[in-house]
Full PDB file with SEQRES, HELIX, SHEET, SSBOND, CRYST1, ORIGX, SCALE, CONECT and MASTER records, all heavy atoms in Angstrom:
SEQRES   1 A   36  PRO SER GLN ASP MET ARG ASP PHE GLY VAL ARG VAL LYS          
SEQRES   2 A   36  LEU ASN PRO VAL LYS SER MET ILE ASN GLY LYS ARG ILE          
SEQRES   3 A   36  VAL ILE VAL GLU ASP SER VAL VAL ARG GLY                      
HELIX    1 AA1 PHE A    8  ARG A   11  1                                   4    
HELIX    2 AA2 LYS A   18  MET A   20  5                                   3    
CRYST1    1.000    1.000    1.000  90.00  90.00  90.00 P 1           1          
ORIGX1      1.000000  0.000000  0.000000        0.00000                         
ORIGX2      0.000000  1.000000  0.000000        0.00000                         
ORIGX3      0.000000  0.000000  1.000000        0.00000                         
SCALE1      1.000000  0.000000  0.000000        0.00000                         
SCALE2      0.000000  1.000000  0.000000        0.00000                         
SCALE3      0.000000  0.000000  1.000000        0.00000                         
ATOM      1  N   PRO A   1      56.120  14.284 -55.505  1.00  0.00           N  
ATOM      2  CA  PRO A   1      57.568  14.325 -55.672  1.00  0.00           C  
ATOM      3  C   PRO A   1      58.281  14.103 -54.351  1.00  0.00           C  
ATOM      4  O   PRO A   1      57.659  13.945 -53.306  1.00  0.00           O  
ATOM      5  CB  PRO A   1      57.812  15.750 -56.177  1.00  0.00           C  
ATOM      6  CG  PRO A   1      56.710  16.538 -55.532  1.00  0.00           C  
ATOM      7  CD  PRO A   1      55.520  15.625 -55.484  1.00  0.00           C  
ATOM      8  N   SER A   2      59.601  14.111 -54.415  1.00  0.00           N  
ATOM      9  CA  SER A   2      60.387  13.934 -53.201  1.00  0.00           C  
ATOM     10  C   SER A   2      60.251  15.164 -52.300  1.00  0.00           C  
ATOM     11  O   SER A   2      59.850  16.241 -52.738  1.00  0.00           O  
ATOM     12  CB  SER A   2      61.858  13.722 -53.560  1.00  0.00           C  
ATOM     13  OG  SER A   2      62.335  14.828 -54.309  1.00  0.00           O  
ATOM     14  N   GLN A   3      60.608  15.007 -51.040  1.00  0.00           N  
ATOM     15  CA  GLN A   3      60.404  16.048 -50.045  1.00  0.00           C  
ATOM     16  C   GLN A   3      61.175  17.330 -50.364  1.00  0.00           C  
ATOM     17  O   GLN A   3      60.772  18.407 -49.961  1.00  0.00           O  
ATOM     18  CB  GLN A   3      60.817  15.533 -48.668  1.00  0.00           C  
ATOM     19  CG  GLN A   3      59.842  14.514 -48.087  1.00  0.00           C  
ATOM     20  CD  GLN A   3      58.463  15.109 -47.858  1.00  0.00           C  
ATOM     21  OE1 GLN A   3      58.337  16.219 -47.362  1.00  0.00           O  
ATOM     22  NE2 GLN A   3      57.425  14.385 -48.238  1.00  0.00           N  
ATOM     23  N   ASP A   4      62.289  17.212 -51.090  1.00  0.00           N  
ATOM     24  CA  ASP A   4      63.091  18.408 -51.339  1.00  0.00           C  
ATOM     25  C   ASP A   4      62.455  19.321 -52.390  1.00  0.00           C  
ATOM     26  O   ASP A   4      62.896  20.446 -52.575  1.00  0.00           O  
ATOM     27  CB  ASP A   4      64.522  18.046 -51.751  1.00  0.00           C  
ATOM     28  CG  ASP A   4      64.562  17.209 -53.019  1.00  0.00           C  
ATOM     29  OD1 ASP A   4      63.529  16.621 -53.372  1.00  0.00           O  
ATOM     30  OD2 ASP A   4      65.643  17.138 -53.632  1.00  0.00           O  
ATOM     31  N   MET A   5      61.414  18.847 -53.089  1.00  0.00           N  
ATOM     32  CA  MET A   5      60.710  19.704 -54.039  1.00  0.00           C  
ATOM     33  C   MET A   5      59.571  20.388 -53.292  1.00  0.00           C  
ATOM     34  O   MET A   5      58.412  20.010 -53.372  1.00  0.00           O  
ATOM     35  CB  MET A   5      60.193  18.890 -55.218  1.00  0.00           C  
ATOM     36  CG  MET A   5      61.305  18.225 -56.017  1.00  0.00           C  
ATOM     37  SD  MET A   5      60.689  17.223 -57.390  1.00  0.00           S  
ATOM     38  CE  MET A   5      60.071  18.471 -58.492  1.00  0.00           C  
ATOM     39  N   ARG A   6      59.916  21.394 -52.518  1.00  0.00           N  
ATOM     40  CA  ARG A   6      58.977  22.026 -51.608  1.00  0.00           C  
ATOM     41  C   ARG A   6      57.874  22.753 -52.373  1.00  0.00           C  
ATOM     42  O   ARG A   6      58.098  23.342 -53.424  1.00  0.00           O  
ATOM     43  CB  ARG A   6      59.725  23.006 -50.710  1.00  0.00           C  
ATOM     44  CG  ARG A   6      60.744  22.311 -49.807  1.00  0.00           C  
ATOM     45  CD  ARG A   6      61.604  23.315 -49.073  1.00  0.00           C  
ATOM     46  NE  ARG A   6      60.796  24.174 -48.215  1.00  0.00           N  
ATOM     47  CZ  ARG A   6      61.285  25.215 -47.561  1.00  0.00           C  
ATOM     48  NH1 ARG A   6      62.554  25.536 -47.675  1.00  0.00           N  
ATOM     49  NH2 ARG A   6      60.511  25.946 -46.798  1.00  0.00           N  
ATOM     50  N   ASP A   7      56.663  22.696 -51.806  1.00  0.00           N  
ATOM     51  CA  ASP A   7      55.496  23.389 -52.341  1.00  0.00           C  
ATOM     52  C   ASP A   7      55.096  22.908 -53.729  1.00  0.00           C  
ATOM     53  O   ASP A   7      54.358  23.584 -54.445  1.00  0.00           O  
ATOM     54  CB  ASP A   7      55.731  24.912 -52.390  1.00  0.00           C  
ATOM     55  CG  ASP A   7      56.076  25.481 -51.033  1.00  0.00           C  
ATOM     56  OD1 ASP A   7      55.518  24.996 -50.036  1.00  0.00           O  
ATOM     57  OD2 ASP A   7      56.907  26.406 -50.978  1.00  0.00           O  
ATOM     58  N   PHE A   8      55.589  21.743 -54.149  1.00  0.00           N  
ATOM     59  CA  PHE A   8      55.288  21.244 -55.488  1.00  0.00           C  
ATOM     60  C   PHE A   8      53.796  21.030 -55.681  1.00  0.00           C  
ATOM     61  O   PHE A   8      53.246  21.319 -56.738  1.00  0.00           O  
ATOM     62  CB  PHE A   8      56.041  19.932 -55.733  1.00  0.00           C  
ATOM     63  CG  PHE A   8      56.053  19.493 -57.173  1.00  0.00           C  
ATOM     64  CD1 PHE A   8      57.078  19.854 -58.022  1.00  0.00           C  
ATOM     65  CD2 PHE A   8      55.022  18.713 -57.680  1.00  0.00           C  
ATOM     66  CE1 PHE A   8      57.077  19.454 -59.344  1.00  0.00           C  
ATOM     67  CE2 PHE A   8      55.007  18.309 -58.996  1.00  0.00           C  
ATOM     68  CZ  PHE A   8      56.054  18.678 -59.832  1.00  0.00           C  
ATOM     69  N   GLY A   9      53.139  20.542 -54.635  1.00  0.00           N  
ATOM     70  CA  GLY A   9      51.708  20.263 -54.731  1.00  0.00           C  
ATOM     71  C   GLY A   9      50.897  21.505 -55.042  1.00  0.00           C  
ATOM     72  O   GLY A   9      49.868  21.441 -55.707  1.00  0.00           O  
ATOM     73  N   VAL A  10      51.345  22.658 -54.548  1.00  0.00           N  
ATOM     74  CA  VAL A  10      50.664  23.917 -54.833  1.00  0.00           C  
ATOM     75  C   VAL A  10      50.977  24.371 -56.249  1.00  0.00           C  
ATOM     76  O   VAL A  10      50.098  24.764 -57.013  1.00  0.00           O  
ATOM     77  CB  VAL A  10      51.078  25.000 -53.814  1.00  0.00           C  
ATOM     78  CG1 VAL A  10      50.501  26.351 -54.202  1.00  0.00           C  
ATOM     79  CG2 VAL A  10      50.624  24.595 -52.421  1.00  0.00           C  
ATOM     80  N   ARG A  11      52.258  24.291 -56.648  1.00  0.00           N  
ATOM     81  CA  ARG A  11      52.671  24.790 -57.953  1.00  0.00           C  
ATOM     82  C   ARG A  11      52.091  23.992 -59.107  1.00  0.00           C  
ATOM     83  O   ARG A  11      51.852  24.535 -60.183  1.00  0.00           O  
ATOM     84  CB  ARG A  11      54.200  24.790 -58.059  1.00  0.00           C  
ATOM     85  CG  ARG A  11      54.909  25.667 -57.050  1.00  0.00           C  
ATOM     86  CD  ARG A  11      56.323  26.024 -57.499  1.00  0.00           C  
ATOM     87  NE  ARG A  11      57.095  24.879 -57.938  1.00  0.00           N  
ATOM     88  CZ  ARG A  11      57.793  24.091 -57.130  1.00  0.00           C  
ATOM     89  NH1 ARG A  11      57.762  24.312 -55.814  1.00  0.00           N  
ATOM     90  NH2 ARG A  11      58.499  23.092 -57.607  1.00  0.00           N  
ATOM     91  N   VAL A  12      51.864  22.710 -58.894  1.00  0.00           N  
ATOM     92  CA  VAL A  12      51.381  21.890 -60.004  1.00  0.00           C  
ATOM     93  C   VAL A  12      49.935  22.233 -60.355  1.00  0.00           C  
ATOM     94  O   VAL A  12      49.504  22.006 -61.485  1.00  0.00           O  
ATOM     95  CB  VAL A  12      51.525  20.386 -59.665  1.00  0.00           C  
ATOM     96  CG1 VAL A  12      50.444  19.921 -58.702  1.00  0.00           C  
ATOM     97  CG2 VAL A  12      51.522  19.534 -60.931  1.00  0.00           C  
ATOM     98  N   LYS A  13      49.194  22.814 -59.434  1.00  0.00           N  
ATOM     99  CA  LYS A  13      47.800  23.165 -59.701  1.00  0.00           C  
ATOM    100  C   LYS A  13      47.659  24.535 -60.352  1.00  0.00           C  
ATOM    101  O   LYS A  13      46.816  24.732 -61.223  1.00  0.00           O  
ATOM    102  CB  LYS A  13      47.000  23.128 -58.403  1.00  0.00           C  
ATOM    103  CG  LYS A  13      46.869  21.724 -57.810  1.00  0.00           C  
ATOM    104  CD  LYS A  13      46.090  21.754 -56.508  1.00  0.00           C  
ATOM    105  CE  LYS A  13      46.003  20.366 -55.904  1.00  0.00           C  
ATOM    106  NZ  LYS A  13      45.288  20.364 -54.608  1.00  0.00           N  
ATOM    107  N   LEU A  14      48.459  25.511 -59.903  1.00  0.00           N  
ATOM    108  CA  LEU A  14      48.368  26.869 -60.425  1.00  0.00           C  
ATOM    109  C   LEU A  14      49.756  27.375 -60.795  1.00  0.00           C  
ATOM    110  O   LEU A  14      50.707  27.186 -60.037  1.00  0.00           O  
ATOM    111  CB  LEU A  14      47.765  27.814 -59.383  1.00  0.00           C  
ATOM    112  CG  LEU A  14      46.279  27.700 -59.057  1.00  0.00           C  
ATOM    113  CD1 LEU A  14      45.901  28.747 -58.015  1.00  0.00           C  
ATOM    114  CD2 LEU A  14      45.422  27.870 -60.290  1.00  0.00           C  
ATOM    115  N   ASN A  15      49.832  28.038 -61.952  1.00  0.00           N  
ATOM    116  CA  ASN A  15      51.113  28.593 -62.383  1.00  0.00           C  
ATOM    117  C   ASN A  15      50.894  30.001 -62.921  1.00  0.00           C  
ATOM    118  O   ASN A  15      49.996  30.230 -63.735  1.00  0.00           O  
ATOM    119  CB  ASN A  15      51.731  27.709 -63.476  1.00  0.00           C  
ATOM    120  CG  ASN A  15      53.183  28.068 -63.728  1.00  0.00           C  
ATOM    121  OD1 ASN A  15      53.976  28.167 -62.799  1.00  0.00           O  
ATOM    122  ND2 ASN A  15      53.534  28.272 -64.988  1.00  0.00           N  
ATOM    123  N   PRO A  16      51.684  30.978 -62.474  1.00  0.00           N  
ATOM    124  CA  PRO A  16      51.484  32.356 -62.933  1.00  0.00           C  
ATOM    125  C   PRO A  16      51.995  32.591 -64.349  1.00  0.00           C  
ATOM    126  O   PRO A  16      52.917  31.921 -64.823  1.00  0.00           O  
ATOM    127  CB  PRO A  16      52.297  33.170 -61.918  1.00  0.00           C  
ATOM    128  CG  PRO A  16      53.339  32.227 -61.422  1.00  0.00           C  
ATOM    129  CD  PRO A  16      52.728  30.869 -61.445  1.00  0.00           C  
ATOM    130  N   VAL A  17      51.345  33.546 -65.018  1.00  0.00           N  
ATOM    131  CA  VAL A  17      51.846  34.032 -66.316  1.00  0.00           C  
ATOM    132  C   VAL A  17      52.911  35.079 -65.989  1.00  0.00           C  
ATOM    133  O   VAL A  17      52.602  36.220 -65.639  1.00  0.00           O  
ATOM    134  CB  VAL A  17      50.712  34.632 -67.157  1.00  0.00           C  
ATOM    135  CG1 VAL A  17      51.251  35.090 -68.515  1.00  0.00           C  
ATOM    136  CG2 VAL A  17      49.582  33.617 -67.338  1.00  0.00           C  
ATOM    137  N   LYS A  18      54.163  34.694 -66.072  1.00  0.00           N  
ATOM    138  CA  LYS A  18      55.261  35.495 -65.519  1.00  0.00           C  
ATOM    139  C   LYS A  18      55.332  36.900 -66.091  1.00  0.00           C  
ATOM    140  O   LYS A  18      55.610  37.865 -65.373  1.00  0.00           O  
ATOM    141  CB  LYS A  18      56.578  34.758 -65.739  1.00  0.00           C  
ATOM    142  CG  LYS A  18      56.643  33.417 -65.021  1.00  0.00           C  
ATOM    143  CD  LYS A  18      57.948  32.682 -65.318  1.00  0.00           C  
ATOM    144  CE  LYS A  18      57.962  31.309 -64.634  1.00  0.00           C  
ATOM    145  NZ  LYS A  18      59.200  30.567 -64.933  1.00  0.00           N  
ATOM    146  N   SER A  19      55.075  37.062 -67.393  1.00  0.00           N  
ATOM    147  CA  SER A  19      55.220  38.370 -68.030  1.00  0.00           C  
ATOM    148  C   SER A  19      54.220  39.399 -67.519  1.00  0.00           C  
ATOM    149  O   SER A  19      54.423  40.607 -67.695  1.00  0.00           O  
ATOM    150  CB  SER A  19      55.070  38.225 -69.546  1.00  0.00           C  
ATOM    151  OG  SER A  19      53.787  37.708 -69.866  1.00  0.00           O  
ATOM    152  N   MET A  20      53.159  38.936 -66.885  1.00  0.00           N  
ATOM    153  CA  MET A  20      52.122  39.856 -66.410  1.00  0.00           C  
ATOM    154  C   MET A  20      52.382  40.361 -64.990  1.00  0.00           C  
ATOM    155  O   MET A  20      51.694  41.275 -64.528  1.00  0.00           O  
ATOM    156  CB  MET A  20      50.752  39.161 -66.449  1.00  0.00           C  
ATOM    157  CG  MET A  20      50.311  38.754 -67.827  1.00  0.00           C  
ATOM    158  SD  MET A  20      48.649  38.079 -67.795  1.00  0.00           S  
ATOM    159  CE  MET A  20      47.712  39.505 -67.275  1.00  0.00           C  
ATOM    160  N   ILE A  21      53.328  39.780 -64.284  1.00  0.00           N  
ATOM    161  CA  ILE A  21      53.478  40.042 -62.852  1.00  0.00           C  
ATOM    162  C   ILE A  21      54.485  41.143 -62.542  1.00  0.00           C  
ATOM    163  O   ILE A  21      54.250  41.992 -61.685  1.00  0.00           O  
ATOM    164  CB  ILE A  21      53.887  38.742 -62.126  1.00  0.00           C  
ATOM    165  CG1 ILE A  21      52.922  37.598 -62.455  1.00  0.00           C  
ATOM    166  CG2 ILE A  21      53.982  38.975 -60.623  1.00  0.00           C  
ATOM    167  CD1 ILE A  21      51.490  37.858 -62.098  1.00  0.00           C  
ATOM    168  N   ASN A  22      55.601  41.162 -63.217  1.00  0.00           N  
ATOM    169  CA  ASN A  22      56.719  42.042 -62.861  1.00  0.00           C  
ATOM    170  C   ASN A  22      56.315  43.519 -62.886  1.00  0.00           C  
ATOM    171  O   ASN A  22      55.812  44.031 -63.885  1.00  0.00           O  
ATOM    172  CB  ASN A  22      57.887  41.811 -63.823  1.00  0.00           C  
ATOM    173  CG  ASN A  22      59.138  42.559 -63.370  1.00  0.00           C  
ATOM    174  OD1 ASN A  22      59.408  42.686 -62.185  1.00  0.00           O  
ATOM    175  ND2 ASN A  22      59.895  43.055 -64.341  1.00  0.00           N  
ATOM    176  N   GLY A  23      56.514  44.189 -61.741  1.00  0.00           N  
ATOM    177  CA  GLY A  23      56.265  45.614 -61.625  1.00  0.00           C  
ATOM    178  C   GLY A  23      54.808  46.007 -61.484  1.00  0.00           C  
ATOM    179  O   GLY A  23      54.487  47.196 -61.449  1.00  0.00           O  
ATOM    180  N   LYS A  24      53.920  45.049 -61.357  1.00  0.00           N  
ATOM    181  CA  LYS A  24      52.486  45.340 -61.357  1.00  0.00           C  
ATOM    182  C   LYS A  24      51.916  45.443 -59.928  1.00  0.00           C  
ATOM    183  O   LYS A  24      52.383  44.787 -59.002  1.00  0.00           O  
ATOM    184  CB  LYS A  24      51.732  44.251 -62.108  1.00  0.00           C  
ATOM    185  CG  LYS A  24      52.050  44.203 -63.598  1.00  0.00           C  
ATOM    186  CD  LYS A  24      51.718  45.510 -64.292  1.00  0.00           C  
ATOM    187  CE  LYS A  24      51.669  45.392 -65.802  1.00  0.00           C  
ATOM    188  NZ  LYS A  24      52.743  44.683 -66.428  1.00  0.00           N  
ATOM    189  N   ARG A  25      50.884  46.293 -59.823  1.00  0.00           N  
ATOM    190  CA  ARG A  25      50.091  46.409 -58.598  1.00  0.00           C  
ATOM    191  C   ARG A  25      48.839  45.551 -58.817  1.00  0.00           C  
ATOM    192  O   ARG A  25      48.028  45.861 -59.691  1.00  0.00           O  
ATOM    193  CB  ARG A  25      49.720  47.850 -58.326  1.00  0.00           C  
ATOM    194  CG  ARG A  25      50.924  48.794 -58.171  1.00  0.00           C  
ATOM    195  CD  ARG A  25      50.469  50.244 -58.246  1.00  0.00           C  
ATOM    196  NE  ARG A  25      49.819  50.511 -59.513  1.00  0.00           N  
ATOM    197  CZ  ARG A  25      49.045  51.583 -59.749  1.00  0.00           C  
ATOM    198  NH1 ARG A  25      48.821  52.466 -58.782  1.00  0.00           N  
ATOM    199  NH2 ARG A  25      48.487  51.761 -60.930  1.00  0.00           N  
ATOM    200  N   ILE A  26      48.686  44.525 -58.001  1.00  0.00           N  
ATOM    201  CA  ILE A  26      47.685  43.503 -58.295  1.00  0.00           C  
ATOM    202  C   ILE A  26      46.695  43.360 -57.127  1.00  0.00           C  
ATOM    203  O   ILE A  26      47.099  43.299 -55.955  1.00  0.00           O  
ATOM    204  CB  ILE A  26      48.367  42.135 -58.550  1.00  0.00           C  
ATOM    205  CG1 ILE A  26      49.384  42.261 -59.687  1.00  0.00           C  
ATOM    206  CG2 ILE A  26      47.341  41.053 -58.859  1.00  0.00           C  
ATOM    207  CD1 ILE A  26      50.271  41.033 -59.846  1.00  0.00           C  
ATOM    208  N   VAL A  27      45.416  43.283 -57.478  1.00  0.00           N  
ATOM    209  CA  VAL A  27      44.374  42.910 -56.520  1.00  0.00           C  
ATOM    210  C   VAL A  27      44.055  41.437 -56.740  1.00  0.00           C  
ATOM    211  O   VAL A  27      43.645  41.042 -57.833  1.00  0.00           O  
ATOM    212  CB  VAL A  27      43.095  43.748 -56.700  1.00  0.00           C  
ATOM    213  CG1 VAL A  27      42.030  43.291 -55.698  1.00  0.00           C  
ATOM    214  CG2 VAL A  27      43.378  45.225 -56.538  1.00  0.00           C  
ATOM    215  N   ILE A  28      44.277  40.631 -55.717  1.00  0.00           N  
ATOM    216  CA  ILE A  28      43.930  39.209 -55.765  1.00  0.00           C  
ATOM    217  C   ILE A  28      42.595  39.024 -55.046  1.00  0.00           C  
ATOM    218  O   ILE A  28      42.419  39.515 -53.930  1.00  0.00           O  
ATOM    219  CB  ILE A  28      44.997  38.349 -55.064  1.00  0.00           C  
ATOM    220  CG1 ILE A  28      46.381  38.598 -55.666  1.00  0.00           C  
ATOM    221  CG2 ILE A  28      44.640  36.870 -55.135  1.00  0.00           C  
ATOM    222  CD1 ILE A  28      47.520  38.103 -54.784  1.00  0.00           C  
ATOM    223  N   VAL A  29      41.659  38.328 -55.673  1.00  0.00           N  
ATOM    224  CA  VAL A  29      40.363  38.062 -55.054  1.00  0.00           C  
ATOM    225  C   VAL A  29      40.247  36.570 -54.773  1.00  0.00           C  
ATOM    226  O   VAL A  29      40.434  35.744 -55.664  1.00  0.00           O  
ATOM    227  CB  VAL A  29      39.194  38.537 -55.940  1.00  0.00           C  
ATOM    228  CG1 VAL A  29      37.857  38.190 -55.287  1.00  0.00           C  
ATOM    229  CG2 VAL A  29      39.289  40.036 -56.181  1.00  0.00           C  
ATOM    230  N   GLU A  30      39.956  36.249 -53.517  1.00  0.00           N  
ATOM    231  CA  GLU A  30      39.718  34.863 -53.096  1.00  0.00           C  
ATOM    232  C   GLU A  30      38.344  34.789 -52.457  1.00  0.00           C  
ATOM    233  O   GLU A  30      37.845  35.770 -51.909  1.00  0.00           O  
ATOM    234  CB  GLU A  30      40.772  34.428 -52.071  1.00  0.00           C  
ATOM    235  CG  GLU A  30      41.839  33.497 -52.631  1.00  0.00           C  
ATOM    236  CD  GLU A  30      41.329  32.090 -52.921  1.00  0.00           C  
ATOM    237  OE1 GLU A  30      40.125  31.905 -53.186  1.00  0.00           O  
ATOM    238  OE2 GLU A  30      42.143  31.163 -52.888  1.00  0.00           O  
ATOM    239  N   ASP A  31      37.736  33.587 -52.491  1.00  0.00           N  
ATOM    240  CA  ASP A  31      36.406  33.466 -51.886  1.00  0.00           C  
ATOM    241  C   ASP A  31      36.473  33.295 -50.374  1.00  0.00           C  
ATOM    242  O   ASP A  31      35.538  33.673 -49.668  1.00  0.00           O  
ATOM    243  CB  ASP A  31      35.609  32.325 -52.532  1.00  0.00           C  
ATOM    244  CG  ASP A  31      36.294  30.975 -52.419  1.00  0.00           C  
ATOM    245  OD1 ASP A  31      37.263  30.852 -51.645  1.00  0.00           O  
ATOM    246  OD2 ASP A  31      35.867  30.032 -53.112  1.00  0.00           O  
ATOM    247  N   SER A  32      37.549  32.709 -49.856  1.00  0.00           N  
ATOM    248  CA  SER A  32      37.645  32.480 -48.409  1.00  0.00           C  
ATOM    249  C   SER A  32      39.082  32.131 -48.067  1.00  0.00           C  
ATOM    250  O   SER A  32      39.853  31.711 -48.933  1.00  0.00           O  
ATOM    251  CB  SER A  32      36.711  31.352 -47.961  1.00  0.00           C  
ATOM    252  OG  SER A  32      36.928  30.183 -48.715  1.00  0.00           O  
ATOM    253  N   VAL A  33      39.411  32.312 -46.800  1.00  0.00           N  
ATOM    254  CA  VAL A  33      40.719  31.928 -46.283  1.00  0.00           C  
ATOM    255  C   VAL A  33      40.482  31.098 -45.027  1.00  0.00           C  
ATOM    256  O   VAL A  33      39.853  31.580 -44.073  1.00  0.00           O  
ATOM    257  CB  VAL A  33      41.588  33.158 -45.943  1.00  0.00           C  
ATOM    258  CG1 VAL A  33      42.918  32.709 -45.344  1.00  0.00           C  
ATOM    259  CG2 VAL A  33      41.814  34.017 -47.177  1.00  0.00           C  
ATOM    260  N   VAL A  34      40.956  29.864 -45.027  1.00  0.00           N  
ATOM    261  CA  VAL A  34      40.770  28.987 -43.874  1.00  0.00           C  
ATOM    262  C   VAL A  34      42.052  28.948 -43.048  1.00  0.00           C  
ATOM    263  O   VAL A  34      42.106  29.460 -41.941  1.00  0.00           O  
ATOM    264  CB  VAL A  34      40.336  27.572 -44.315  1.00  0.00           C  
ATOM    265  CG1 VAL A  34      40.167  26.670 -43.093  1.00  0.00           C  
ATOM    266  CG2 VAL A  34      39.030  27.637 -45.097  1.00  0.00           C  
ATOM    267  N   ARG A  35      43.084  28.341 -43.596  1.00  0.00           N  
ATOM    268  CA  ARG A  35      44.353  28.241 -42.858  1.00  0.00           C  
ATOM    269  C   ARG A  35      45.389  29.244 -43.342  1.00  0.00           C  
ATOM    270  O   ARG A  35      46.270  29.634 -42.595  1.00  0.00           O  
ATOM    271  CB  ARG A  35      44.892  26.815 -42.974  1.00  0.00           C  
ATOM    272  CG  ARG A  35      43.968  25.788 -42.342  1.00  0.00           C  
ATOM    273  CD  ARG A  35      44.378  24.367 -42.701  1.00  0.00           C  
ATOM    274  NE  ARG A  35      43.441  23.393 -42.155  1.00  0.00           N  
ATOM    275  CZ  ARG A  35      42.320  23.020 -42.747  1.00  0.00           C  
ATOM    276  NH1 ARG A  35      42.003  23.537 -43.930  1.00  0.00           N  
ATOM    277  NH2 ARG A  35      41.506  22.144 -42.194  1.00  0.00           N  
ATOM    278  N   GLY A  36      45.319  29.628 -44.597  1.00  0.00           N  
ATOM    279  CA  GLY A  36      46.202  30.669 -45.120  1.00  0.00           C  
ATOM    280  C   GLY A  36      47.511  30.179 -45.697  1.00  0.00           C  
ATOM    281  O   GLY A  36      48.232  30.951 -46.329  1.00  0.00           O  
TER     282      GLY A  36                                                      
MASTER        0    0    0    2    0    0    0    6  281    1    0    3          
END                                                                             
């Protein structure tokens, strides 16, 4: 997309299930962190 659609490349791959997030305490597990 155009430059003004920031972070689009990240959002197009993964999208959260919004109803599950609000007010929740969440543990996220990742296999590795390179650049962050």
